[in-house]
Amino acid sequence: LSAMRDESEREEAENFANKAVELAQKEG
């Protein structure tokens, strides 16, 4: 989870959360 204050932060929040998912999936 990466929270964002408003839509202006969506790209950054998604980047943080997606990177975390990528790392997790690499570990199965």
PDB file of all heavy atoms in Angstrom:
ATOM      1  N   LEU A   1       0.828  -1.204   0.000  1.00  0.00           N
ATOM      2  CA  LEU A   1       0.000   0.000   0.000  1.00  0.00           C
ATOM      3  C   LEU A   1       0.862   1.255   0.000  1.00  0.00           C
ATOM      4  O   LEU A   1       1.793   1.387   0.791  1.00  0.00           O
ATOM      5  CB  LEU A   1      -0.917   0.002   1.227  1.00  0.00           C
ATOM      6  CG  LEU A   1      -1.874   1.187   1.396  1.00  0.00           C
ATOM      7  CD1 LEU A   1      -3.137   0.736   2.132  1.00  0.00           C
ATOM      8  CD2 LEU A   1      -1.235   2.354   2.149  1.00  0.00           C
ATOM      9  N   SER A   2       0.519   2.167  -0.895  1.00  0.00           N
ATOM     10  CA  SER A   2       1.132   3.495  -0.902  1.00  0.00           C
ATOM     11  C   SER A   2       0.014   4.517  -1.037  1.00  0.00           C
ATOM     12  O   SER A   2      -0.665   4.570  -2.062  1.00  0.00           O
ATOM     13  CB  SER A   2       2.131   3.633  -2.056  1.00  0.00           C
ATOM     14  OG  SER A   2       2.801   4.884  -1.987  1.00  0.00           O
ATOM     15  N   ALA A   3      -0.211   5.284   0.004  1.00  0.00           N
ATOM     16  CA  ALA A   3      -1.313   6.242   0.011  1.00  0.00           C
ATOM     17  C   ALA A   3      -0.924   7.529  -0.711  1.00  0.00           C
ATOM     18  O   ALA A   3       0.234   7.923  -0.739  1.00  0.00           O
ATOM     19  CB  ALA A   3      -1.722   6.557   1.444  1.00  0.00           C
ATOM     20  N   MET A   4      -1.919   8.170  -1.300  1.00  0.00           N
ATOM     21  CA  MET A   4      -1.679   9.449  -1.968  1.00  0.00           C
ATOM     22  C   MET A   4      -2.695  10.469  -1.479  1.00  0.00           C
ATOM     23  O   MET A   4      -3.850  10.141  -1.200  1.00  0.00           O
ATOM     24  CB  MET A   4      -1.764   9.296  -3.484  1.00  0.00           C
ATOM     25  CG  MET A   4      -3.038   8.665  -3.984  1.00  0.00           C
ATOM     26  SD  MET A   4      -2.999   8.428  -5.784  1.00  0.00           S
ATOM     27  CE  MET A   4      -4.508   7.479  -6.018  1.00  0.00           C
ATOM     28  N   ARG A   5      -2.243  11.713  -1.371  1.00  0.00           N
ATOM     29  CA  ARG A   5      -3.124  12.767  -0.893  1.00  0.00           C
ATOM     30  C   ARG A   5      -4.191  13.117  -1.921  1.00  0.00           C
ATOM     31  O   ARG A   5      -5.348  13.355  -1.583  1.00  0.00           O
ATOM     32  CB  ARG A   5      -2.300  14.005  -0.552  1.00  0.00           C
ATOM     33  CG  ARG A   5      -3.096  15.162   0.020  1.00  0.00           C
ATOM     34  CD  ARG A   5      -2.197  16.337   0.328  1.00  0.00           C
ATOM     35  NE  ARG A   5      -1.464  16.774  -0.863  1.00  0.00           N
ATOM     36  CZ  ARG A   5      -0.607  17.790  -0.872  1.00  0.00           C
ATOM     37  NH1 ARG A   5      -0.348  18.449   0.244  1.00  0.00           N
ATOM     38  NH2 ARG A   5       0.023  18.124  -1.991  1.00  0.00           N
ATOM     39  N   ASP A   6      -3.800  13.146  -3.197  1.00  0.00           N
ATOM     40  CA  ASP A   6      -4.741  13.438  -4.276  1.00  0.00           C
ATOM     41  C   ASP A   6      -4.190  12.858  -5.577  1.00  0.00           C
ATOM     42  O   ASP A   6      -3.131  12.217  -5.592  1.00  0.00           O
ATOM     43  CB  ASP A   6      -4.984  14.943  -4.407  1.00  0.00           C
ATOM     44  CG  ASP A   6      -3.691  15.735  -4.538  1.00  0.00           C
ATOM     45  OD1 ASP A   6      -2.803  15.302  -5.311  1.00  0.00           O
ATOM     46  OD2 ASP A   6      -3.558  16.780  -3.874  1.00  0.00           O
ATOM     47  N   GLU A   7      -4.891  13.086  -6.676  1.00  0.00           N
ATOM     48  CA  GLU A   7      -4.515  12.492  -7.955  1.00  0.00           C
ATOM     49  C   GLU A   7      -3.145  12.942  -8.450  1.00  0.00           C
ATOM     50  O   GLU A   7      -2.508  12.246  -9.246  1.00  0.00           O
ATOM     51  CB  GLU A   7      -5.576  12.817  -9.010  1.00  0.00           C
ATOM     52  CG  GLU A   7      -6.875  12.043  -8.842  1.00  0.00           C
ATOM     53  CD  GLU A   7      -6.688  10.546  -9.053  1.00  0.00           C
ATOM     54  OE1 GLU A   7      -5.774  10.141  -9.804  1.00  0.00           O
ATOM     55  OE2 GLU A   7      -7.449   9.774  -8.444  1.00  0.00           O
ATOM     56  N   SER A   8      -2.675  14.096  -7.979  1.00  0.00           N
ATOM     57  CA  SER A   8      -1.370  14.584  -8.419  1.00  0.00           C
ATOM     58  C   SER A   8      -0.232  13.672  -7.959  1.00  0.00           C
ATOM     59  O   SER A   8       0.866  13.713  -8.511  1.00  0.00           O
ATOM     60  CB  SER A   8      -1.121  16.005  -7.891  1.00  0.00           C
ATOM     61  OG  SER A   8      -0.966  16.010  -6.480  1.00  0.00           O
ATOM     62  N   GLU A   9      -0.503  12.835  -6.962  1.00  0.00           N
ATOM     63  CA  GLU A   9       0.519  11.934  -6.429  1.00  0.00           C
ATOM     64  C   GLU A   9       0.356  10.496  -6.913  1.00  0.00           C
ATOM     65  O   GLU A   9       1.074   9.598  -6.462  1.00  0.00           O
ATOM     66  CB  GLU A   9       0.500  11.972  -4.899  1.00  0.00           C
ATOM     67  CG  GLU A   9       0.852  13.342  -4.332  1.00  0.00           C
ATOM     68  CD  GLU A   9       0.855  13.353  -2.810  1.00  0.00           C
ATOM     69  OE1 GLU A   9       0.230  12.453  -2.213  1.00  0.00           O
ATOM     70  OE2 GLU A   9       1.480  14.253  -2.242  1.00  0.00           O
ATOM     71  N   ARG A  10      -0.592  10.272  -7.814  1.00  0.00           N
ATOM     72  CA  ARG A  10      -0.882   8.905  -8.236  1.00  0.00           C
ATOM     73  C   ARG A  10       0.340   8.212  -8.843  1.00  0.00           C
ATOM     74  O   ARG A  10       0.640   7.064  -8.519  1.00  0.00           O
ATOM     75  CB  ARG A  10      -2.040   8.869  -9.236  1.00  0.00           C
ATOM     76  CG  ARG A  10      -2.333   7.465  -9.751  1.00  0.00           C
ATOM     77  CD  ARG A  10      -3.590   7.414 -10.567  1.00  0.00           C
ATOM     78  NE  ARG A  10      -4.771   7.719  -9.764  1.00  0.00           N
ATOM     79  CZ  ARG A  10      -5.366   6.840  -8.965  1.00  0.00           C
ATOM     80  NH1 ARG A  10      -4.862   5.604  -8.842  1.00  0.00           N
ATOM     81  NH2 ARG A  10      -6.427   7.177  -8.287  1.00  0.00           N
ATOM     82  N   GLU A  11       1.031   8.894  -9.735  1.00  0.00           N
ATOM     83  CA  GLU A  11       2.161   8.259 -10.416  1.00  0.00           C
ATOM     84  C   GLU A  11       3.224   7.802  -9.421  1.00  0.00           C
ATOM     85  O   GLU A  11       3.734   6.671  -9.512  1.00  0.00           O
ATOM     86  CB  GLU A  11       2.783   9.224 -11.431  1.00  0.00           C
ATOM     87  CG  GLU A  11       3.933   8.598 -12.218  1.00  0.00           C
ATOM     88  CD  GLU A  11       4.497   9.547 -13.255  1.00  0.00           C
ATOM     89  OE1 GLU A  11       3.941  10.651 -13.453  1.00  0.00           O
ATOM     90  OE2 GLU A  11       5.516   9.177 -13.884  1.00  0.00           O
ATOM     91  N   GLU A  12       3.538   8.661  -8.472  1.00  0.00           N
ATOM     92  CA  GLU A  12       4.553   8.306  -7.479  1.00  0.00           C
ATOM     93  C   GLU A  12       4.082   7.157  -6.596  1.00  0.00           C
ATOM     94  O   GLU A  12       4.834   6.207  -6.333  1.00  0.00           O
ATOM     95  CB  GLU A  12       4.897   9.518  -6.618  1.00  0.00           C
ATOM     96  CG  GLU A  12       6.048   9.255  -5.646  1.00  0.00           C
ATOM     97  CD  GLU A  12       6.395  10.488  -4.850  1.00  0.00           C
ATOM     98  OE1 GLU A  12       5.460  11.171  -4.375  1.00  0.00           O
ATOM     99  OE2 GLU A  12       7.594  10.765  -4.675  1.00  0.00           O
ATOM    100  N   ALA A  13       2.831   7.228  -6.129  1.00  0.00           N
ATOM    101  CA  ALA A  13       2.295   6.172  -5.268  1.00  0.00           C
ATOM    102  C   ALA A  13       2.272   4.832  -5.995  1.00  0.00           C
ATOM    103  O   ALA A  13       2.658   3.790  -5.437  1.00  0.00           O
ATOM    104  CB  ALA A  13       0.894   6.539  -4.791  1.00  0.00           C
ATOM    105  N   GLU A  14       1.840   4.835  -7.229  1.00  0.00           N
ATOM    106  CA  GLU A  14       1.800   3.594  -8.002  1.00  0.00           C
ATOM    107  C   GLU A  14       3.197   3.046  -8.235  1.00  0.00           C
ATOM    108  O   GLU A  14       3.402   1.825  -8.230  1.00  0.00           O
ATOM    109  CB  GLU A  14       1.089   3.828  -9.329  1.00  0.00           C
ATOM    110  CG  GLU A  14      -0.412   4.046  -9.177  1.00  0.00           C
ATOM    111  CD  GLU A  14      -1.110   4.262 -10.503  1.00  0.00           C
ATOM    112  OE1 GLU A  14      -0.402   4.482 -11.521  1.00  0.00           O
ATOM    113  OE2 GLU A  14      -2.360   4.206 -10.528  1.00  0.00           O
ATOM    114  N   ASN A  15       4.147   3.934  -8.426  1.00  0.00           N
ATOM    115  CA  ASN A  15       5.530   3.501  -8.624  1.00  0.00           C
ATOM    116  C   ASN A  15       6.046   2.766  -7.379  1.00  0.00           C
ATOM    117  O   ASN A  15       6.644   1.694  -7.483  1.00  0.00           O
ATOM    118  CB  ASN A  15       6.419   4.702  -8.931  1.00  0.00           C
ATOM    119  CG  ASN A  15       7.867   4.297  -9.139  1.00  0.00           C
ATOM    120  OD1 ASN A  15       8.181   3.459  -9.975  1.00  0.00           O
ATOM    121  ND2 ASN A  15       8.766   4.901  -8.369  1.00  0.00           N
ATOM    122  N   PHE A  16       5.796   3.342  -6.202  1.00  0.00           N
ATOM    123  CA  PHE A  16       6.238   2.707  -4.958  1.00  0.00           C
ATOM    124  C   PHE A  16       5.573   1.346  -4.764  1.00  0.00           C
ATOM    125  O   PHE A  16       6.227   0.342  -4.457  1.00  0.00           O
ATOM    126  CB  PHE A  16       5.916   3.601  -3.750  1.00  0.00           C
ATOM    127  CG  PHE A  16       6.729   4.856  -3.667  1.00  0.00           C
ATOM    128  CD1 PHE A  16       6.146   6.033  -3.211  1.00  0.00           C
ATOM    129  CD2 PHE A  16       8.059   4.878  -4.040  1.00  0.00           C
ATOM    130  CE1 PHE A  16       6.878   7.201  -3.133  1.00  0.00           C
ATOM    131  CE2 PHE A  16       8.813   6.048  -3.959  1.00  0.00           C
ATOM    132  CZ  PHE A  16       8.209   7.217  -3.512  1.00  0.00           C
ATOM    133  N   ALA A  17       4.249   1.310  -4.930  1.00  0.00           N
ATOM    134  CA  ALA A  17       3.502   0.075  -4.696  1.00  0.00           C
ATOM    135  C   ALA A  17       3.846  -0.999  -5.726  1.00  0.00           C
ATOM    136  O   ALA A  17       4.029  -2.178  -5.385  1.00  0.00           O
ATOM    137  CB  ALA A  17       2.006   0.364  -4.702  1.00  0.00           C
ATOM    138  N   ASN A  18       3.958  -0.602  -6.990  1.00  0.00           N
ATOM    139  CA  ASN A  18       4.275  -1.579  -8.039  1.00  0.00           C
ATOM    140  C   ASN A  18       5.691  -2.138  -7.887  1.00  0.00           C
ATOM    141  O   ASN A  18       5.933  -3.318  -8.158  1.00  0.00           O
ATOM    142  CB  ASN A  18       4.121  -0.937  -9.416  1.00  0.00           C
ATOM    143  CG  ASN A  18       2.668  -0.682  -9.771  1.00  0.00           C
ATOM    144  OD1 ASN A  18       1.766  -1.349  -9.263  1.00  0.00           O
ATOM    145  ND2 ASN A  18       2.428   0.291 -10.639  1.00  0.00           N
ATOM    146  N   LYS A  19       6.603  -1.300  -7.462  1.00  0.00           N
ATOM    147  CA  LYS A  19       7.971  -1.776  -7.235  1.00  0.00           C
ATOM    148  C   LYS A  19       7.994  -2.810  -6.113  1.00  0.00           C
ATOM    149  O   LYS A  19       8.700  -3.822  -6.187  1.00  0.00           O
ATOM    150  CB  LYS A  19       8.893  -0.606  -6.893  1.00  0.00           C
ATOM    151  CG  LYS A  19      10.346  -1.018  -6.734  1.00  0.00           C
ATOM    152  CD  LYS A  19      11.240   0.191  -6.467  1.00  0.00           C
ATOM    153  CE  LYS A  19      12.700  -0.243  -6.299  1.00  0.00           C
ATOM    154  NZ  LYS A  19      13.589   0.922  -6.043  1.00  0.00           N
ATOM    155  N   ALA A  20       7.203  -2.572  -5.078  1.00  0.00           N
ATOM    156  CA  ALA A  20       7.118  -3.519  -3.968  1.00  0.00           C
ATOM    157  C   ALA A  20       6.563  -4.853  -4.443  1.00  0.00           C
ATOM    158  O   ALA A  20       7.064  -5.929  -4.075  1.00  0.00           O
ATOM    159  CB  ALA A  20       6.239  -2.939  -2.862  1.00  0.00           C
ATOM    160  N   VAL A  21       5.526  -4.793  -5.280  1.00  0.00           N
ATOM    161  CA  VAL A  21       4.930  -6.020  -5.822  1.00  0.00           C
ATOM    162  C   VAL A  21       5.943  -6.775  -6.673  1.00  0.00           C
ATOM    163  O   VAL A  21       6.059  -8.007  -6.595  1.00  0.00           O
ATOM    164  CB  VAL A  21       3.667  -5.686  -6.641  1.00  0.00           C
ATOM    165  CG1 VAL A  21       3.212  -6.904  -7.439  1.00  0.00           C
ATOM    166  CG2 VAL A  21       2.556  -5.213  -5.718  1.00  0.00           C
ATOM    167  N   GLU A  22       6.685  -6.053  -7.476  1.00  0.00           N
ATOM    168  CA  GLU A  22       7.688  -6.681  -8.330  1.00  0.00           C
ATOM    169  C   GLU A  22       8.737  -7.423  -7.495  1.00  0.00           C
ATOM    170  O   GLU A  22       9.102  -8.566  -7.814  1.00  0.00           O
ATOM    171  CB  GLU A  22       8.369  -5.611  -9.180  1.00  0.00           C
ATOM    172  CG  GLU A  22       9.417  -6.156 -10.145  1.00  0.00           C
ATOM    173  CD  GLU A  22      10.086  -5.063 -10.955  1.00  0.00           C
ATOM    174  OE1 GLU A  22       9.584  -3.909 -10.936  1.00  0.00           O
ATOM    175  OE2 GLU A  22      11.108  -5.355 -11.598  1.00  0.00           O
ATOM    176  N   LEU A  23       9.189  -6.792  -6.432  1.00  0.00           N
ATOM    177  CA  LEU A  23      10.172  -7.434  -5.559  1.00  0.00           C
ATOM    178  C   LEU A  23       9.594  -8.683  -4.906  1.00  0.00           C
ATOM    179  O   LEU A  23      10.274  -9.705  -4.782  1.00  0.00           O
ATOM    180  CB  LEU A  23      10.647  -6.447  -4.486  1.00  0.00           C
ATOM    181  CG  LEU A  23      11.489  -5.272  -4.983  1.00  0.00           C
ATOM    182  CD1 LEU A  23      11.725  -4.264  -3.847  1.00  0.00           C
ATOM    183  CD2 LEU A  23      12.831  -5.765  -5.515  1.00  0.00           C
ATOM    184  N   ALA A  24       8.337  -8.592  -4.481  1.00  0.00           N
ATOM    185  CA  ALA A  24       7.694  -9.736  -3.837  1.00  0.00           C
ATOM    186  C   ALA A  24       7.533 -10.896  -4.814  1.00  0.00           C
ATOM    187  O   ALA A  24       7.810 -12.058  -4.489  1.00  0.00           O
ATOM    188  CB  ALA A  24       6.346  -9.320  -3.273  1.00  0.00           C
ATOM    189  N   GLN A  25       7.090 -10.588  -6.015  1.00  0.00           N
ATOM    190  CA  GLN A  25       6.858 -11.644  -6.999  1.00  0.00           C
ATOM    191  C   GLN A  25       8.158 -12.325  -7.425  1.00  0.00           C
ATOM    192  O   GLN A  25       8.155 -13.516  -7.762  1.00  0.00           O
ATOM    193  CB  GLN A  25       6.117 -11.059  -8.201  1.00  0.00           C
ATOM    194  CG  GLN A  25       4.677 -10.678  -7.877  1.00  0.00           C
ATOM    195  CD  GLN A  25       3.951 -10.021  -9.027  1.00  0.00           C
ATOM    196  OE1 GLN A  25       4.578  -9.536  -9.978  1.00  0.00           O
ATOM    197  NE2 GLN A  25       2.624  -9.998  -8.963  1.00  0.00           N
ATOM    198  N   LYS A  26       9.252 -11.593  -7.400  1.00  0.00           N
ATOM    199  CA  LYS A  26      10.553 -12.207  -7.691  1.00  0.00           C
ATOM    200  C   LYS A  26      10.912 -13.272  -6.662  1.00  0.00           C
ATOM    201  O   LYS A  26      11.688 -14.191  -6.956  1.00  0.00           O
ATOM    202  CB  LYS A  26      11.643 -11.137  -7.732  1.00  0.00           C
ATOM    203  CG  LYS A  26      11.644 -10.293  -8.994  1.00  0.00           C
ATOM    204  CD  LYS A  26      12.778  -9.288  -8.983  1.00  0.00           C
ATOM    205  CE  LYS A  26      12.797  -8.473 -10.270  1.00  0.00           C
ATOM    206  NZ  LYS A  26      13.887  -7.457 -10.262  1.00  0.00           N
ATOM    207  N   GLU A  27      10.344 -13.132  -5.467  1.00  0.00           N
ATOM    208  CA  GLU A  27      10.575 -14.115  -4.404  1.00  0.00           C
ATOM    209  C   GLU A  27       9.488 -15.177  -4.368  1.00  0.00           C
ATOM    210  O   GLU A  27       9.424 -15.973  -3.428  1.00  0.00           O
ATOM    211  CB  GLU A  27      10.650 -13.406  -3.047  1.00  0.00           C
ATOM    212  CG  GLU A  27      11.839 -12.469  -2.892  1.00  0.00           C
ATOM    213  CD  GLU A  27      13.164 -13.202  -2.973  1.00  0.00           C
ATOM    214  OE1 GLU A  27      13.239 -14.343  -2.464  1.00  0.00           O
ATOM    215  OE2 GLU A  27      14.121 -12.648  -3.542  1.00  0.00           O
ATOM    216  N   GLY A  28       8.627 -15.167  -5.370  1.00  0.00           N
ATOM    217  CA  GLY A  28       7.562 -16.161  -5.436  1.00  0.00           C
ATOM    218  C   GLY A  28       6.393 -15.874  -4.528  1.00  0.00           C
ATOM    219  O   GLY A  28       5.605 -16.773  -4.207  1.00  0.00           O
TER     220      GLY A  28
END
